[in-house]
Amino acid sequence: MMSRMKELEAENARLRKMYIEEKLKAEIASEALQKKF
């Protein structure tokens, strides 16, 4: 049971990291677009 929890926590952390990276990329992209226009 504990190892399952650890697996889920690791997966959760990985997904959160991916989400944050995508969010940052989107923010950077929208800022770049705003500067062009």
PDB file of N, CA and C in Angstrom:
ATOM      1  N   MET A   1       0.831  -1.209   0.000  1.00  0.00           N
ATOM      2  CA  MET A   1       0.000   0.000   0.000  1.00  0.00           C
ATOM      3  C   MET A   1       0.870   1.265   0.000  1.00  0.00           C
ATOM      4  N   MET A   2       1.898   1.264   0.843  1.00  0.00           N
ATOM      5  CA  MET A   2       2.768   2.443   0.912  1.00  0.00           C
ATOM      6  C   MET A   2       3.509   2.683  -0.396  1.00  0.00           C
ATOM      7  N   SER A   3       3.959   1.605  -1.016  1.00  0.00           N
ATOM      8  CA  SER A   3       4.700   1.782  -2.271  1.00  0.00           C
ATOM      9  C   SER A   3       3.786   2.356  -3.352  1.00  0.00           C
ATOM     10  N   ARG A   4       2.509   1.980  -3.312  1.00  0.00           N
ATOM     11  CA  ARG A   4       1.536   2.507  -4.273  1.00  0.00           C
ATOM     12  C   ARG A   4       1.391   4.016  -4.074  1.00  0.00           C
ATOM     13  N   MET A   5       1.321   4.430  -2.808  1.00  0.00           N
ATOM     14  CA  MET A   5       1.215   5.857  -2.503  1.00  0.00           C
ATOM     15  C   MET A   5       2.429   6.611  -3.027  1.00  0.00           C
ATOM     16  N   LYS A   6       3.597   6.028  -2.828  1.00  0.00           N
ATOM     17  CA  LYS A   6       4.829   6.661  -3.304  1.00  0.00           C
ATOM     18  C   LYS A   6       4.803   6.788  -4.822  1.00  0.00           C
ATOM     19  N   GLU A   7       4.313   5.747  -5.492  1.00  0.00           N
ATOM     20  CA  GLU A   7       4.213   5.787  -6.955  1.00  0.00           C
ATOM     21  C   GLU A   7       3.284   6.912  -7.396  1.00  0.00           C
ATOM     22  N   LEU A   8       2.140   7.007  -6.730  1.00  0.00           N
ATOM     23  CA  LEU A   8       1.175   8.045  -7.083  1.00  0.00           C
ATOM     24  C   LEU A   8       1.740   9.438  -6.831  1.00  0.00           C
ATOM     25  N   GLU A   9       2.449   9.590  -5.723  1.00  0.00           N
ATOM     26  CA  GLU A   9       3.059  10.889  -5.417  1.00  0.00           C
ATOM     27  C   GLU A   9       4.092  11.273  -6.462  1.00  0.00           C
ATOM     28  N   ALA A  10       4.892  10.302  -6.883  1.00  0.00           N
ATOM     29  CA  ALA A  10       5.911  10.568  -7.898  1.00  0.00           C
ATOM     30  C   ALA A  10       5.250  10.957  -9.217  1.00  0.00           C
ATOM     31  N   GLU A  11       4.198  10.231  -9.585  1.00  0.00           N
ATOM     32  CA  GLU A  11       3.463  10.519 -10.817  1.00  0.00           C
ATOM     33  C   GLU A  11       2.848  11.914 -10.750  1.00  0.00           C
ATOM     34  N   ASN A  12       2.270  12.219  -9.590  1.00  0.00           N
ATOM     35  CA  ASN A  12       1.639  13.511  -9.379  1.00  0.00           C
ATOM     36  C   ASN A  12       2.647  14.644  -9.531  1.00  0.00           C
ATOM     37  N   ALA A  13       3.813  14.479  -8.932  1.00  0.00           N
ATOM     38  CA  ALA A  13       4.864  15.494  -9.006  1.00  0.00           C
ATOM     39  C   ALA A  13       5.320  15.678 -10.454  1.00  0.00           C
ATOM     40  N   ARG A  14       5.425  14.560 -11.178  1.00  0.00           N
ATOM     41  CA  ARG A  14       5.866  14.605 -12.573  1.00  0.00           C
ATOM     42  C   ARG A  14       4.851  15.369 -13.428  1.00  0.00           C
ATOM     43  N   LEU A  15       3.576  15.055 -13.218  1.00  0.00           N
ATOM     44  CA  LEU A  15       2.533  15.727 -13.987  1.00  0.00           C
ATOM     45  C   LEU A  15       2.472  17.216 -13.658  1.00  0.00           C
ATOM     46  N   ARG A  16       2.634  17.537 -12.364  1.00  0.00           N
ATOM     47  CA  ARG A  16       2.599  18.944 -11.964  1.00  0.00           C
ATOM     48  C   ARG A  16       3.742  19.711 -12.611  1.00  0.00           C
ATOM     49  N   LYS A  17       4.921  19.081 -12.654  1.00  0.00           N
ATOM     50  CA  LYS A  17       6.087  19.710 -13.263  1.00  0.00           C
ATOM     51  C   LYS A  17       5.838  19.962 -14.753  1.00  0.00           C
ATOM     52  N   MET A  18       5.280  18.960 -15.443  1.00  0.00           N
ATOM     53  CA  MET A  18       4.972  19.112 -16.864  1.00  0.00           C
ATOM     54  C   MET A  18       3.975  20.241 -17.073  1.00  0.00           C
ATOM     55  N   TYR A  19       2.945  20.290 -16.215  1.00  0.00           N
ATOM     56  CA  TYR A  19       1.910  21.312 -16.330  1.00  0.00           C
ATOM     57  C   TYR A  19       2.505  22.705 -16.148  1.00  0.00           C
ATOM     58  N   ILE A  20       3.340  22.850 -15.142  1.00  0.00           N
ATOM     59  CA  ILE A  20       3.976  24.150 -14.875  1.00  0.00           C
ATOM     60  C   ILE A  20       4.851  24.573 -16.050  1.00  0.00           C
ATOM     61  N   GLU A  21       5.607  23.620 -16.606  1.00  0.00           N
ATOM     62  CA  GLU A  21       6.463  23.943 -17.752  1.00  0.00           C
ATOM     63  C   GLU A  21       5.633  24.388 -18.946  1.00  0.00           C
ATOM     64  N   GLU A  22       4.524  23.687 -19.202  1.00  0.00           N
ATOM     65  CA  GLU A  22       3.655  24.054 -20.327  1.00  0.00           C
ATOM     66  C   GLU A  22       3.044  25.434 -20.094  1.00  0.00           C
ATOM     67  N   LYS A  23       2.647  25.702 -18.854  1.00  0.00           N
ATOM     68  CA  LYS A  23       2.041  26.981 -18.516  1.00  0.00           C
ATOM     69  C   LYS A  23       3.044  28.110 -18.746  1.00  0.00           C
ATOM     70  N   LEU A  24       4.293  27.888 -18.325  1.00  0.00           N
ATOM     71  CA  LEU A  24       5.338  28.887 -18.537  1.00  0.00           C
ATOM     72  C   LEU A  24       5.568  29.128 -20.020  1.00  0.00           C
ATOM     73  N   LYS A  25       5.625  28.043 -20.804  1.00  0.00           N
ATOM     74  CA  LYS A  25       5.823  28.172 -22.252  1.00  0.00           C
ATOM     75  C   LYS A  25       4.699  28.991 -22.864  1.00  0.00           C
ATOM     76  N   ALA A  26       3.474  28.732 -22.434  1.00  0.00           N
ATOM     77  CA  ALA A  26       2.319  29.449 -22.966  1.00  0.00           C
ATOM     78  C   ALA A  26       2.404  30.934 -22.613  1.00  0.00           C
ATOM     79  N   GLU A  27       2.811  31.228 -21.379  1.00  0.00           N
ATOM     80  CA  GLU A  27       2.941  32.627 -20.964  1.00  0.00           C
ATOM     81  C   GLU A  27       4.025  33.334 -21.759  1.00  0.00           C
ATOM     82  N   ILE A  28       5.153  32.680 -21.940  1.00  0.00           N
ATOM     83  CA  ILE A  28       6.253  33.265 -22.709  1.00  0.00           C
ATOM     84  C   ILE A  28       5.812  33.506 -24.152  1.00  0.00           C
ATOM     85  N   ALA A  29       5.107  32.538 -24.729  1.00  0.00           N
ATOM     86  CA  ALA A  29       4.636  32.660 -26.107  1.00  0.00           C
ATOM     87  C   ALA A  29       3.662  33.822 -26.241  1.00  0.00           C
ATOM     88  N   SER A  30       2.733  33.957 -25.298  1.00  0.00           N
ATOM     89  CA  SER A  30       1.759  35.044 -25.407  1.00  0.00           C
ATOM     90  C   SER A  30       2.425  36.401 -25.213  1.00  0.00           C
ATOM     91  N   GLU A  31       3.431  36.469 -24.351  1.00  0.00           N
ATOM     92  CA  GLU A  31       4.167  37.726 -24.180  1.00  0.00           C
ATOM     93  C   GLU A  31       4.911  38.085 -25.457  1.00  0.00           C
ATOM     94  N   ALA A  32       5.513  37.087 -26.083  1.00  0.00           N
ATOM     95  CA  ALA A  32       6.243  37.318 -27.329  1.00  0.00           C
ATOM     96  C   ALA A  32       5.292  37.824 -28.408  1.00  0.00           C
ATOM     97  N   LEU A  33       4.099  37.246 -28.459  1.00  0.00           N
ATOM     98  CA  LEU A  33       3.111  37.675 -29.454  1.00  0.00           C
ATOM     99  C   LEU A  33       2.669  39.114 -29.194  1.00  0.00           C
ATOM    100  N   GLN A  34       2.475  39.452 -27.926  1.00  0.00           N
ATOM    101  CA  GLN A  34       2.039  40.807 -27.592  1.00  0.00           C
ATOM    102  C   GLN A  34       3.095  41.836 -27.977  1.00  0.00           C
ATOM    103  N   LYS A  35       4.357  41.494 -27.841  1.00  0.00           N
ATOM    104  CA  LYS A  35       5.424  42.433 -28.192  1.00  0.00           C
ATOM    105  C   LYS A  35       5.481  42.685 -29.695  1.00  0.00           C
ATOM    106  N   LYS A  36       5.118  41.660 -30.486  1.00  0.00           N
ATOM    107  CA  LYS A  36       5.172  41.812 -31.937  1.00  0.00           C
ATOM    108  C   LYS A  36       4.131  42.797 -32.451  1.00  0.00           C
ATOM    109  N   PHE A  37       2.965  42.813 -31.789  1.00  0.00           N
ATOM    110  CA  PHE A  37       1.871  43.639 -32.315  1.00  0.00           C
ATOM    111  C   PHE A  37       1.749  44.968 -31.599  1.00  0.00           C
TER     112      PHE A  37
END
